[in-house]
């Protein structure tokens, strides 16, 4: 029943009233039975399935659809088009996959390795026999059968010791390792038939919600595909990503050799006092990558005079550029930095987005013609005057007059570095493209992956607070816009690079934990940013902390936590 009453709901329970009211953000008020689940209350909404509702924020707290409403409540819907909604769907489809996989292939093991930009997770299979298209078809049929049956996901809270004993009997060492460090004395398990597991977050009520998925065989595993936020009921085309896949596998193999394949193993190393060695080896892996990239640039120096560096926010591009410069100097080259930000068009010519706001992340916000002309003339040995962009006035002004020496290369770092539209008139052979990103392979356990996006967000919260005075609420609030720009202007070109630099560090979340937790706890209750902050705090609970004093002074991580030796490092200047 719909009511026109939009008074603030009470927070006390009136035992004489058997009904409750839920108030939606647009003022609609619905009445239902006290104790009814969110699922029962929300199914009557006209927007129930468009896009599908996955949960709701009830009086400021994220709740799953099986949550019972006992008092009048203000409710904001969470759909598959929202971050939290897509996480609930992906978590649930993963649970469905593991239940079907373990039923069909009890002698094999499966691990969720990393995300796929077109929408999916790469799953590695460890089996005596080759995993073929025949097995993939069997697995997909079984998953579809379970969806058709609309079986319930049963949620139960069990004592922590009981959960540990259960996973020990299943031989799931990574889960047992992880749970040793859990601070709470209980654990929430979800059950489907005889299969049960812990998953870091909420689930849908039943298998019938999981209609949209696919499986594709790739390498020695397969990709579990699911809809992206912008198209909740559609499985998009599967894109090829050989360079990213190779980088993920390289990092995963390295973690395996190091013996740190999960957060539980990392915590074991911290507790045993071995973390200093882990840090040094992690940093050495970074240095090996940078040396390899510098060597390739040196080998192509006769042709490649422009080094283009691109990557998503908080990937450590600034420190990477400076460490790469050090290696290039060791090879006898003197890189000259050209700042892409100085090539913005005047404010009055800046394009606007659909909301009428300036879209500074659009390539049309860049004066690409002048940039290409200046780079051509610099390579030719001509003297030019670089532009300087006054952000306060929104105007391009005359800048430094420079001429490159014969031994100098140009380093150009920016969001559009790999976009072919940036320098369409410059011969591609004269450029060397590098994609830098934080591509972690470390997971909580085999079925609970760590999002690379979460790692970058935590990096940014710490840096924004230290350098800009931003609150965690402000950074979280702006993050959706940042991600939108990345999906449109960066990720489509991530395979275009000559080389890929992975800035992930196996130990970094343990360093960020004590720095970011106080910032997250200051996020205002009742806001959507609070819901996100609470999720991140729960995630960080799994990590033991590490002192920042153990980090080498040239580490990429210090770009975010402070204290980098590169703060005062200047790239070589061109002669005027």
Protein backbone atom coordinates (compact mmCIF):
# COMPACT_ATOMS: atom_id res chain seq x y z
CA UNK A 1 0.00 0.00 0.00
CA UNK A 2 1.30 3.47 -0.90
CA UNK A 3 0.93 6.36 1.51
CA UNK A 4 1.48 10.10 1.03
CA UNK A 5 2.89 10.49 4.54
CA UNK A 6 6.55 11.56 4.29
CA UNK A 7 7.26 12.31 7.94
CA UNK A 8 10.60 11.13 9.30
CA UNK A 9 10.25 7.47 10.38
CA UNK A 10 10.49 6.61 14.04
CA UNK A 11 13.46 4.63 15.32
CA UNK A 12 11.55 2.90 18.12
CA UNK A 13 9.38 -0.17 17.83
CA UNK A 14 5.69 0.29 18.59
CA UNK A 15 4.58 -3.21 19.53
CA UNK A 16 0.91 -2.27 19.03
CA UNK A 17 1.50 -1.62 15.31
CA UNK A 18 2.04 -4.61 13.04
CA UNK A 19 3.12 -2.55 10.04
CA UNK A 20 6.13 -0.42 9.19
CA UNK A 21 6.75 2.30 6.62
CA UNK A 22 9.69 2.64 4.26
CA UNK A 23 10.45 6.03 2.71
CA UNK A 24 12.32 6.23 -0.58
CA UNK A 25 14.57 9.20 -1.52
CA UNK A 26 11.95 10.59 -3.95
CA UNK A 27 9.36 10.82 -1.14
CA UNK A 28 7.34 7.69 -1.92
CA UNK A 29 6.18 5.85 1.18
CA UNK A 30 5.33 2.14 1.23
CA UNK A 31 3.69 0.22 4.03
CA UNK A 32 4.44 -3.41 4.81
CA UNK A 33 4.39 -6.02 7.55
CA UNK A 34 6.79 -5.55 10.42
CA UNK A 35 9.57 -8.12 10.13
CA UNK A 36 9.21 -8.49 6.36
CA UNK A 37 12.46 -8.79 4.41
CA UNK A 38 13.73 -6.10 2.08
CA UNK A 39 13.14 -8.53 -0.77
CA UNK A 40 9.45 -8.87 0.10
CA UNK A 41 9.00 -5.13 0.59
CA UNK A 42 10.86 -3.99 -2.53
CA UNK A 43 9.53 -6.51 -5.05
CA UNK A 44 6.37 -4.42 -5.46
CA UNK A 45 8.36 -1.43 -6.73
CA UNK A 46 7.99 -0.69 -10.45
CA UNK A 47 11.79 -0.36 -10.72
CA UNK A 48 12.44 -3.71 -8.97
CA UNK A 49 14.08 -5.27 -12.02
CA UNK A 50 15.25 -2.24 -14.00
CA UNK A 51 18.08 -2.48 -13.17
CA UNK A 52 17.79 -5.41 -10.73
CA UNK A 53 17.83 -4.39 -7.06
CA UNK A 54 20.62 -6.12 -5.11
CA UNK A 55 20.22 -4.54 -1.67
CA UNK A 56 19.47 -1.24 0.05
CA UNK A 57 20.90 1.32 2.43
CA UNK A 58 18.55 1.24 5.43
CA UNK A 59 18.82 4.18 7.83
CA UNK A 60 22.44 4.72 6.76
CA UNK A 61 23.59 1.07 6.75
CA UNK A 62 24.02 -1.23 3.75
CA UNK A 63 21.75 -4.29 4.07
CA UNK A 64 21.20 -7.39 1.96
CA UNK A 65 17.75 -8.33 0.66
CA UNK A 66 17.19 -10.97 3.35
CA UNK A 67 17.42 -8.29 6.05
CA UNK A 68 14.19 -7.99 8.08
CA UNK A 69 12.75 -4.49 8.62
CA UNK A 70 11.48 -4.05 12.18
CA UNK A 71 10.99 -0.27 12.28
CA UNK A 72 10.03 2.61 9.99
CA UNK A 73 13.02 3.27 7.76
CA UNK A 74 14.49 5.52 5.12
CA UNK A 75 15.75 3.38 2.26
CA UNK A 76 18.00 4.02 -0.73
CA UNK A 77 17.98 1.30 -3.37
CA UNK A 78 21.19 -0.45 -4.42
CA UNK A 79 21.04 -1.89 -7.93
CA UNK A 80 23.38 -3.71 -10.28
CA UNK A 81 24.17 -0.28 -11.70
CA UNK A 82 25.77 0.78 -8.39
CA UNK A 83 29.20 -0.18 -7.05
CA UNK A 84 27.78 -2.00 -4.02
CA UNK A 85 25.11 -3.70 -6.11
CA UNK A 86 27.59 -4.93 -8.70
CA UNK A 87 29.81 -6.23 -5.89
CA UNK A 88 26.88 -8.18 -4.40
CA UNK A 89 26.12 -9.70 -7.80
CA UNK A 90 29.73 -10.61 -8.57
CA UNK A 91 30.27 -12.06 -5.11
CA UNK A 92 27.14 -14.18 -5.49
CA UNK A 93 27.97 -15.43 -9.00
CA UNK A 94 31.42 -16.37 -7.70
CA UNK A 95 29.81 -18.40 -4.90
CA UNK A 96 27.58 -20.12 -7.45
CA UNK A 97 30.62 -20.89 -9.62
CA UNK A 98 32.66 -22.39 -6.79
CA UNK A 99 29.72 -24.55 -5.65
CA UNK A 100 29.21 -25.93 -9.16
CA UNK A 101 32.95 -26.35 -9.77
CA UNK A 102 33.60 -28.29 -6.56
CA UNK A 103 30.59 -30.52 -7.26
CA UNK A 104 31.72 -31.36 -10.82
CA UNK A 105 35.49 -31.43 -10.32
CA UNK A 106 36.24 -32.52 -6.74
CA UNK A 107 39.85 -33.43 -7.57
CA UNK A 108 40.69 -30.03 -9.14
CA UNK A 109 41.31 -26.62 -7.59
CA UNK A 110 40.22 -23.20 -8.80
CA UNK A 111 41.46 -19.74 -7.84
CA UNK A 112 40.05 -16.31 -8.72
CA UNK A 113 43.11 -14.49 -9.97
CA UNK A 114 42.18 -11.05 -11.29
CA UNK A 115 39.50 -8.93 -12.92
CA UNK A 116 38.99 -8.54 -16.68
CA UNK A 117 38.27 -5.05 -18.01
CA UNK A 118 35.39 -6.22 -20.23
CA UNK A 119 33.59 -7.55 -17.12
CA UNK A 120 34.76 -10.75 -15.50
CA UNK A 121 37.26 -12.65 -13.37
CA UNK A 122 40.07 -14.80 -14.66
CA UNK A 123 40.00 -18.14 -12.85
CA UNK A 124 43.03 -20.42 -12.84
CA UNK A 125 42.47 -24.18 -12.70
CA UNK A 126 44.89 -26.65 -11.14
CA UNK A 127 44.07 -30.18 -12.28
CA UNK A 128 45.73 -33.42 -13.32
CA UNK A 129 43.81 -33.26 -16.57
CA UNK A 130 43.60 -30.40 -19.05
CA UNK A 131 40.60 -28.13 -18.53
CA UNK A 132 38.87 -28.06 -21.91
CA UNK A 133 35.82 -26.56 -23.61
CA UNK A 134 33.96 -29.76 -22.71
CA UNK A 135 34.51 -29.06 -18.99
CA UNK A 136 33.55 -25.41 -19.49
CA UNK A 137 30.25 -26.44 -21.10
CA UNK A 138 29.51 -28.88 -18.24
CA UNK A 139 30.22 -26.16 -15.70
CA UNK A 140 28.03 -23.61 -17.44
CA UNK A 141 25.14 -26.09 -17.77
CA UNK A 142 25.34 -26.92 -14.06
CA UNK A 143 25.38 -23.24 -13.10
CA UNK A 144 22.36 -22.56 -15.32
CA UNK A 145 20.53 -25.51 -13.74
CA UNK A 146 21.17 -24.06 -10.28
CA UNK A 147 19.91 -20.64 -11.42
CA UNK A 148 16.77 -22.21 -12.88
CA UNK A 149 16.12 -24.05 -9.61
CA UNK A 150 16.23 -20.72 -7.69
CA UNK A 151 17.86 -22.29 -4.63
CA UNK A 152 18.25 -20.27 -1.44
CA UNK A 153 21.57 -18.98 -0.18
CA UNK A 154 21.38 -19.71 3.53
CA UNK A 155 23.19 -17.24 5.79
CA UNK A 156 24.45 -18.45 9.14
CA UNK A 157 26.69 -17.03 11.85
CA UNK A 158 29.01 -19.64 13.35
CA UNK A 159 31.71 -19.55 16.06
CA UNK A 160 35.11 -18.78 14.54
CA UNK A 161 36.64 -22.02 15.81
CA UNK A 162 33.91 -24.04 14.09
CA UNK A 163 34.57 -22.22 10.82
CA UNK A 164 38.31 -22.86 11.08
CA UNK A 165 37.71 -26.56 11.80
CA UNK A 166 35.39 -26.79 8.78
CA UNK A 167 37.95 -25.28 6.40
CA UNK A 168 40.67 -27.51 7.88
CA UNK A 169 38.64 -30.61 7.03
CA UNK A 170 38.26 -29.25 3.48
CA UNK A 171 42.01 -28.75 3.18
CA UNK A 172 41.63 -25.00 2.50
CA UNK A 173 44.90 -23.86 4.03
CA UNK A 174 44.65 -20.28 2.75
CA UNK A 175 41.32 -19.75 4.52
CA UNK A 176 42.64 -21.25 7.76
CA UNK A 177 45.69 -18.95 7.57
CA UNK A 178 43.45 -15.93 7.05
CA UNK A 179 41.03 -16.73 9.86
CA UNK A 180 43.86 -17.04 12.42
CA UNK A 181 44.03 -13.24 12.39
CA UNK A 182 40.30 -12.49 12.55
CA UNK A 183 39.51 -10.19 15.48
CA UNK A 184 35.88 -11.24 15.87
CA UNK A 185 34.87 -14.52 17.49
CA UNK A 186 32.36 -15.44 14.80
CA UNK A 187 32.16 -15.75 11.02
CA UNK A 188 29.27 -15.45 8.56
CA UNK A 189 29.03 -18.44 6.22
CA UNK A 190 26.74 -18.79 3.22
CA UNK A 191 25.43 -22.20 2.21
CA UNK A 192 24.15 -23.58 -1.10
CA UNK A 193 23.14 -27.21 -0.81
CA UNK A 194 26.08 -28.96 0.84
CA UNK A 195 28.55 -26.26 -0.14
CA UNK A 196 29.37 -23.43 2.26
CA UNK A 197 31.98 -20.70 2.34
CA UNK A 198 32.89 -17.29 3.69
CA UNK A 199 32.68 -14.33 1.31
CA UNK A 200 33.73 -10.81 2.20
CA UNK A 201 30.35 -9.09 1.96
CA UNK A 202 26.67 -9.61 1.25
CA UNK A 203 24.95 -12.01 -1.17
CA UNK A 204 21.70 -12.13 -3.14
CA UNK A 205 18.94 -14.25 -1.53
CA UNK A 206 18.93 -17.08 -4.10
CA UNK A 207 20.44 -18.45 -7.30
CA UNK A 208 17.52 -17.15 -9.38
CA UNK A 209 19.03 -13.64 -9.27
CA UNK A 210 22.12 -14.78 -11.17
CA UNK A 211 20.82 -14.98 -14.73
CA UNK A 212 23.58 -13.08 -16.48
CA UNK A 213 26.96 -14.78 -16.82
CA UNK A 214 29.16 -16.68 -19.25
CA UNK A 215 32.35 -18.76 -19.20
CA UNK A 216 35.22 -18.52 -21.71
CA UNK A 217 38.26 -20.79 -21.82
CA UNK A 218 41.54 -18.82 -21.78
CA UNK A 219 45.05 -20.17 -21.24
CA UNK A 220 45.22 -22.66 -18.37
CA UNK A 221 41.96 -21.36 -16.93
CA UNK A 222 38.80 -19.52 -17.89
CA UNK A 223 37.02 -16.21 -17.48
CA UNK A 224 33.82 -15.93 -15.46
CA UNK A 225 32.03 -13.13 -17.27
CA UNK A 226 29.31 -10.90 -15.83
CA UNK A 227 27.61 -7.57 -16.68
CA UNK A 228 29.32 -4.24 -16.14
CA UNK A 229 27.63 -1.48 -14.16
CA UNK A 230 26.62 0.56 -17.20
CA UNK A 231 24.79 -2.41 -18.78
CA UNK A 232 23.49 -4.58 -15.91
CA UNK A 233 21.70 -7.23 -18.00
CA UNK A 234 24.20 -7.57 -20.83
CA UNK A 235 27.37 -9.61 -21.19
CA UNK A 236 29.67 -7.48 -23.32
CA UNK A 237 32.11 -8.78 -25.92
CA UNK A 238 35.20 -10.50 -24.58
CA UNK A 239 38.26 -8.35 -25.23
CA UNK A 240 41.77 -9.71 -25.69
CA UNK A 241 44.32 -8.64 -23.08
CA UNK A 242 47.51 -10.70 -23.57
CA UNK A 243 49.85 -8.11 -22.02
CA UNK A 244 47.75 -7.67 -18.89
CA UNK A 245 47.26 -11.43 -18.56
CA UNK A 246 51.00 -12.00 -18.86
CA UNK A 247 51.70 -9.33 -16.23
CA UNK A 248 49.17 -10.80 -13.81
CA UNK A 249 50.60 -14.28 -14.29
CA UNK A 250 54.17 -13.02 -13.84
CA UNK A 251 53.25 -11.36 -10.56
CA UNK A 252 51.25 -14.40 -9.43
CA UNK A 253 54.17 -16.70 -10.15
CA UNK A 254 56.46 -14.40 -8.23
CA UNK A 255 54.12 -14.45 -5.20
CA UNK A 256 54.05 -18.24 -5.42
CA UNK A 257 57.86 -18.44 -5.33
CA UNK A 258 57.90 -16.02 -2.43
CA UNK A 259 55.29 -18.08 -0.56
CA UNK A 260 52.92 -15.09 -0.14
CA UNK A 261 49.87 -16.10 -2.17
CA UNK A 262 47.24 -14.83 0.29
CA UNK A 263 46.78 -12.28 3.05
CA UNK A 264 47.03 -15.02 5.67
CA UNK A 265 50.52 -15.90 4.40
CA UNK A 266 51.48 -12.20 4.44
CA UNK A 267 50.29 -11.91 8.04
CA UNK A 268 52.32 -14.99 8.92
CA UNK A 269 55.44 -13.32 7.51
CA UNK A 270 54.75 -10.13 9.47
CA UNK A 271 54.18 -12.01 12.71
CA UNK A 272 57.32 -14.10 12.19
CA UNK A 273 59.42 -10.96 11.70
CA UNK A 274 60.24 -11.69 8.06
CA UNK A 275 58.53 -8.66 6.55
CA UNK A 276 61.77 -6.68 6.01
CA UNK A 277 62.95 -9.35 3.57
CA UNK A 278 59.55 -9.39 1.84
CA UNK A 279 59.73 -5.60 1.40
CA UNK A 280 63.24 -5.67 -0.03
CA UNK A 281 62.38 -8.43 -2.50
CA UNK A 282 59.16 -6.62 -3.52
CA UNK A 283 61.11 -3.44 -4.21
CA UNK A 284 63.75 -5.41 -6.11
CA UNK A 285 61.01 -6.74 -8.39
CA UNK A 286 60.01 -3.14 -9.18
CA UNK A 287 63.60 -2.25 -9.95
CA UNK A 288 63.97 -5.24 -12.27
CA UNK A 289 60.89 -4.11 -14.20
CA UNK A 290 62.23 -0.55 -14.52
CA UNK A 291 65.69 -1.75 -15.62
CA UNK A 292 64.07 -3.96 -18.26
CA UNK A 293 61.96 -1.06 -19.59
CA UNK A 294 64.98 1.28 -19.66
CA UNK A 295 66.99 -1.33 -21.56
CA UNK A 296 64.28 -1.65 -24.22
CA UNK A 297 64.08 2.13 -24.59
CA UNK A 298 67.87 2.32 -24.94
CA UNK A 299 67.83 -0.36 -27.63
CA UNK A 300 65.25 1.64 -29.62
CA UNK A 301 66.74 5.07 -28.89
CA UNK A 302 67.65 5.75 -32.53
CA UNK A 303 63.95 5.73 -33.40
CA UNK A 304 62.01 6.24 -30.14
CA UNK A 305 62.64 9.78 -28.90
CA UNK A 306 59.28 10.27 -27.11
CA UNK A 307 58.42 8.20 -24.02
CA UNK A 308 54.68 8.20 -23.31
CA UNK A 309 53.47 7.08 -19.86
CA UNK A 310 49.80 6.55 -19.02
CA UNK A 311 47.79 4.75 -16.36
CA UNK A 312 44.87 5.13 -13.96
CA UNK A 313 44.85 7.32 -10.86
CA UNK A 314 47.20 6.43 -7.99
CA UNK A 315 49.28 4.00 -10.02
CA UNK A 316 52.56 5.62 -8.98
CA UNK A 317 53.27 7.11 -12.41
CA UNK A 318 55.20 10.10 -10.99
CA UNK A 319 57.71 8.05 -9.00
CA UNK A 320 57.94 5.49 -11.78
CA UNK A 321 58.84 8.26 -14.26
CA UNK A 322 61.64 9.48 -11.99
CA UNK A 323 63.01 6.00 -11.31
CA UNK A 324 62.92 5.31 -15.04
CA UNK A 325 64.83 8.56 -15.59
CA UNK A 326 67.57 7.38 -13.21
CA UNK A 327 67.95 4.18 -15.21
CA UNK A 328 68.00 6.08 -18.51
CA UNK A 329 70.67 8.40 -17.15
CA UNK A 330 72.70 5.30 -16.29
CA UNK A 331 72.34 4.28 -19.97
CA UNK A 332 73.72 7.64 -21.09
CA UNK A 333 70.44 9.37 -21.93
CA UNK A 334 69.08 12.62 -20.49
CA UNK A 335 65.24 12.62 -20.50
CA UNK A 336 63.43 15.94 -20.69
CA UNK A 337 59.94 16.17 -19.13
CA UNK A 338 57.12 17.79 -21.07
CA UNK A 339 54.06 18.34 -18.88
CA UNK A 340 50.87 17.35 -20.67
CA UNK A 341 48.85 19.55 -18.29
CA UNK A 342 50.37 22.64 -19.94
CA UNK A 343 48.57 21.75 -23.18
CA UNK A 344 45.02 22.28 -21.93
CA UNK A 345 42.89 24.48 -24.16
CA UNK A 346 41.61 27.78 -22.78
CA UNK A 347 38.76 27.34 -20.32
CA UNK A 348 36.19 28.80 -22.72
CA UNK A 349 37.08 26.06 -25.25
CA UNK A 350 37.01 23.20 -22.73
CA UNK A 351 34.31 20.60 -23.55
CA UNK A 352 31.54 19.88 -21.06
CA UNK A 353 30.05 16.61 -19.91
CA UNK A 354 26.38 15.61 -19.91
CA UNK A 355 25.87 17.50 -16.63
CA UNK A 356 27.23 20.73 -18.05
CA UNK A 357 30.48 20.55 -16.07
CA UNK A 358 33.91 21.03 -17.62
CA UNK A 359 35.28 17.68 -18.78
CA UNK A 360 39.01 18.11 -18.19
CA UNK A 361 39.59 14.39 -18.75
CA UNK A 362 38.35 14.47 -22.36
CA UNK A 363 41.08 14.42 -25.01
CA UNK A 364 39.24 17.38 -26.58
CA UNK A 365 40.36 19.39 -23.53
CA UNK A 366 43.94 19.07 -24.86
CA UNK A 367 45.52 21.19 -27.60
CA UNK A 368 46.77 18.10 -29.41
CA UNK A 369 47.79 20.02 -32.55
CA UNK A 370 50.16 22.29 -30.66
CA UNK A 371 51.50 19.35 -28.63
CA UNK A 372 52.29 17.34 -31.77
CA UNK A 373 53.90 20.36 -33.44
CA UNK A 374 56.07 21.15 -30.42
CA UNK A 375 57.23 17.54 -30.07
CA UNK A 376 58.14 17.32 -33.77
CA UNK A 377 60.18 20.51 -33.58
CA UNK A 378 61.94 19.44 -30.39
CA UNK A 379 62.94 16.11 -31.95
CA UNK A 380 64.21 18.00 -35.00
CA UNK A 381 66.51 20.04 -32.73
CA UNK A 382 64.62 23.31 -33.10
CA UNK A 383 64.25 25.90 -30.37
CA UNK A 384 60.64 26.33 -29.23
CA UNK A 385 58.64 28.10 -26.56
CA UNK A 386 56.60 25.66 -24.50
CA UNK A 387 53.17 26.73 -23.25
CA UNK A 388 52.36 27.25 -19.58
CA UNK A 389 48.78 26.70 -18.44
CA UNK A 390 47.43 29.03 -15.77
CA UNK A 391 44.79 26.89 -14.04
CA UNK A 392 43.53 29.79 -11.94
CA UNK A 393 42.70 31.92 -15.00
CA UNK A 394 42.05 28.98 -17.32
CA UNK A 395 44.39 30.38 -19.97
CA UNK A 396 47.37 29.07 -21.94
CA UNK A 397 50.36 31.42 -21.65
CA UNK A 398 53.94 31.48 -23.03
CA UNK A 399 56.31 29.27 -21.06
CA UNK A 400 59.96 28.16 -21.13
CA UNK A 401 62.08 28.47 -24.29
CA UNK A 402 63.97 25.20 -24.84
CA UNK A 403 66.09 23.23 -27.31
CA UNK A 404 66.89 19.54 -26.80
CA UNK A 405 70.43 18.22 -26.80
CA UNK A 406 71.13 15.28 -29.13
CA UNK A 407 71.28 12.86 -26.17
CA UNK A 408 67.87 13.87 -24.82
CA UNK A 409 64.55 12.07 -24.98
CA UNK A 410 61.14 13.48 -24.13
CA UNK A 411 59.10 11.99 -21.28
CA UNK A 412 55.39 12.79 -21.55
CA UNK A 413 53.20 11.53 -18.73
CA UNK A 414 49.43 11.93 -18.74
CA UNK A 415 46.01 10.35 -18.90
CA UNK A 416 45.97 10.18 -22.72
CA UNK A 417 49.50 8.89 -23.23
CA UNK A 418 48.41 5.68 -24.99
CA UNK A 419 45.46 7.16 -26.91
CA UNK A 420 46.22 7.12 -30.67
CA UNK A 421 44.32 10.42 -31.02
CA UNK A 422 46.88 12.23 -28.87
CA UNK A 423 49.63 12.38 -31.53
CA UNK A 424 48.00 11.27 -34.78
CA UNK A 425 50.55 13.06 -36.98
CA UNK A 426 53.65 11.67 -35.28
CA UNK A 427 55.24 8.48 -36.55
CA UNK A 428 54.40 5.74 -33.98
CA UNK A 429 57.95 4.36 -34.30
CA UNK A 430 59.26 7.57 -32.72
CA UNK A 431 57.32 6.86 -29.52
CA UNK A 432 57.78 4.31 -26.74
CA UNK A 433 54.54 3.73 -24.82
CA UNK A 434 54.35 2.52 -21.20
CA UNK A 435 51.19 1.57 -19.33
CA UNK A 436 51.57 1.79 -15.53
CA UNK A 437 48.99 0.34 -13.16
CA UNK A 438 48.60 -1.37 -9.79
CA UNK A 439 47.83 -5.00 -10.72
CA UNK A 440 47.80 -6.95 -7.48
CA UNK A 441 47.56 -10.74 -7.48
CA UNK A 442 47.38 -11.02 -3.70
CA UNK A 443 43.97 -12.26 -2.53
CA UNK A 444 42.34 -12.74 0.86
CA UNK A 445 41.98 -16.40 -0.13
CA UNK A 446 41.35 -18.37 -3.30
CA UNK A 447 37.75 -17.13 -3.73
CA UNK A 448 37.99 -13.65 -2.16
CA UNK A 449 40.03 -11.43 -4.45
CA UNK A 450 41.49 -8.03 -3.65
CA UNK A 451 40.28 -5.32 -6.00
CA UNK A 452 43.05 -3.33 -7.69
CA UNK A 453 40.62 -0.40 -7.65
CA UNK A 454 40.33 -0.61 -3.84
CA UNK A 455 44.11 -0.54 -3.51
CA UNK A 456 44.35 2.58 -5.67
CA UNK A 457 41.51 4.26 -3.75
CA UNK A 458 43.26 3.64 -0.41
CA UNK A 459 46.50 5.02 -1.84
CA UNK A 460 44.64 8.13 -2.99
CA UNK A 461 42.83 8.71 0.32
CA UNK A 462 46.17 8.79 2.14
CA UNK A 463 47.84 11.06 -0.44
CA UNK A 464 44.85 13.43 -0.73
CA UNK A 465 44.80 13.87 3.03
CA UNK A 466 48.53 14.50 3.29
CA UNK A 467 49.06 16.71 0.22
CA UNK A 468 45.72 18.43 -0.37
CA UNK A 469 44.02 18.37 3.01
CA UNK A 470 41.08 16.43 1.58
CA UNK A 471 38.93 14.31 3.87
CA UNK A 472 38.32 10.65 3.07
CA UNK A 473 34.69 11.62 2.42
CA UNK A 474 35.79 14.06 -0.31
CA UNK A 475 38.09 11.53 -1.98
CA UNK A 476 35.45 8.79 -1.91
CA UNK A 477 32.82 11.22 -3.22
CA UNK A 478 35.02 12.10 -6.22
CA UNK A 479 36.13 8.53 -6.91
CA UNK A 480 33.18 7.61 -9.11
CA UNK A 481 34.04 10.48 -11.47
CA UNK A 482 37.68 9.38 -11.51
CA UNK A 483 36.67 5.83 -12.41
CA UNK A 484 34.37 7.06 -15.16
CA UNK A 485 37.26 8.93 -16.76
CA UNK A 486 39.53 5.90 -16.49
CA UNK A 487 37.01 3.59 -18.14
CA UNK A 488 36.53 6.01 -21.02
CA UNK A 489 40.01 7.42 -21.57
CA UNK A 490 42.57 4.95 -20.13
CA UNK A 491 41.44 1.32 -19.93
CA UNK A 492 40.49 0.98 -23.63
CA UNK A 493 44.15 1.62 -24.54
CA UNK A 494 45.94 -0.41 -21.85
CA UNK A 495 47.09 -3.04 -24.36
CA UNK A 496 48.59 -0.39 -26.68
CA UNK A 497 51.81 0.01 -24.67
CA UNK A 498 55.21 -1.31 -25.67
CA UNK A 499 55.74 -2.19 -22.01
CA UNK A 500 53.56 -2.54 -18.91
CA UNK A 501 54.78 -1.56 -15.45
CA UNK A 502 53.04 -3.16 -12.48
CA UNK A 503 53.29 -0.86 -9.44
CA UNK A 504 51.60 -3.27 -7.01
CA UNK A 505 53.51 -4.12 -3.83
CA UNK A 506 52.58 -7.26 -1.91
CA UNK A 507 52.97 -5.53 1.46
CA UNK A 508 51.39 -2.13 0.74
CA UNK A 509 47.94 -2.60 2.29
CA UNK A 510 49.58 -3.47 5.61
CA UNK A 511 51.43 -0.13 5.40
CA UNK A 512 48.35 1.84 4.36
CA UNK A 513 46.14 0.26 7.06
CA UNK A 514 47.22 2.33 10.13
CA UNK A 515 47.36 5.52 8.02
CA UNK A 516 44.00 5.25 6.30
CA UNK A 517 41.86 3.76 9.08
CA UNK A 518 41.67 7.01 11.16
CA UNK A 519 40.69 8.90 7.98
CA UNK A 520 37.94 6.42 7.11
CA UNK A 521 36.52 6.56 10.66
CA UNK A 522 35.94 10.29 10.26
CA UNK A 523 33.49 9.84 7.36
CA UNK A 524 30.08 11.16 8.35
CA UNK A 525 27.47 8.57 9.30
CA UNK A 526 24.35 8.57 7.14
CA UNK A 527 26.17 9.38 3.91
CA UNK A 528 26.81 7.00 1.01
CA UNK A 529 30.51 7.68 1.57
CA UNK A 530 30.10 6.23 5.07
CA UNK A 531 28.83 2.97 3.56
CA UNK A 532 31.97 2.80 1.41
CA UNK A 533 34.25 3.73 4.31
CA UNK A 534 32.72 1.01 6.46
CA UNK A 535 33.32 -1.56 3.70
CA UNK A 536 36.96 -0.54 3.38
CA UNK A 537 37.48 -0.66 7.15
CA UNK A 538 36.06 -4.20 7.27
CA UNK A 539 38.40 -5.18 4.44
CA UNK A 540 41.46 -3.71 6.18
CA UNK A 541 40.64 -5.69 9.34
CA UNK A 542 42.22 -8.73 7.67
CA UNK A 543 45.71 -7.14 7.56
CA UNK A 544 48.36 -6.83 10.24
CA UNK A 545 50.01 -3.38 10.19
CA UNK A 546 53.57 -2.54 9.07
CA UNK A 547 55.65 0.47 10.16
CA UNK A 548 56.41 2.93 7.32
CA UNK A 549 60.02 3.17 8.60
CA UNK A 550 60.72 -0.17 6.91
CA UNK A 551 60.01 1.21 3.42
CA UNK A 552 63.03 2.12 1.23
CA UNK A 553 63.20 5.85 0.46
CA UNK A 554 62.83 5.35 -3.31
CA UNK A 555 59.69 3.19 -3.04
CA UNK A 556 56.67 4.03 -5.18
CA UNK A 557 54.56 3.61 -2.05
CA UNK A 558 56.16 6.73 -0.52
CA UNK A 559 54.53 8.79 -3.28
CA UNK A 560 51.35 8.24 -1.26
CA UNK A 561 52.47 7.97 2.38
CA UNK A 562 55.20 10.64 2.15
CA UNK A 563 58.96 10.74 2.61
CA UNK A 564 60.07 9.86 -0.93
CA UNK A 565 63.64 10.68 -1.91
CA UNK A 566 62.20 11.79 -5.26
CA UNK A 567 60.27 14.73 -3.78
CA UNK A 568 63.18 17.06 -4.65
CA UNK A 569 64.40 15.11 -7.68
CA UNK A 570 64.31 17.11 -10.90
CA UNK A 571 64.51 15.63 -14.37
CA UNK A 572 67.33 16.88 -16.55
CA UNK A 573 66.68 20.27 -18.19
CA UNK A 574 67.05 21.12 -21.85
CA UNK A 575 69.45 23.83 -22.89
CA UNK A 576 67.89 27.18 -23.61
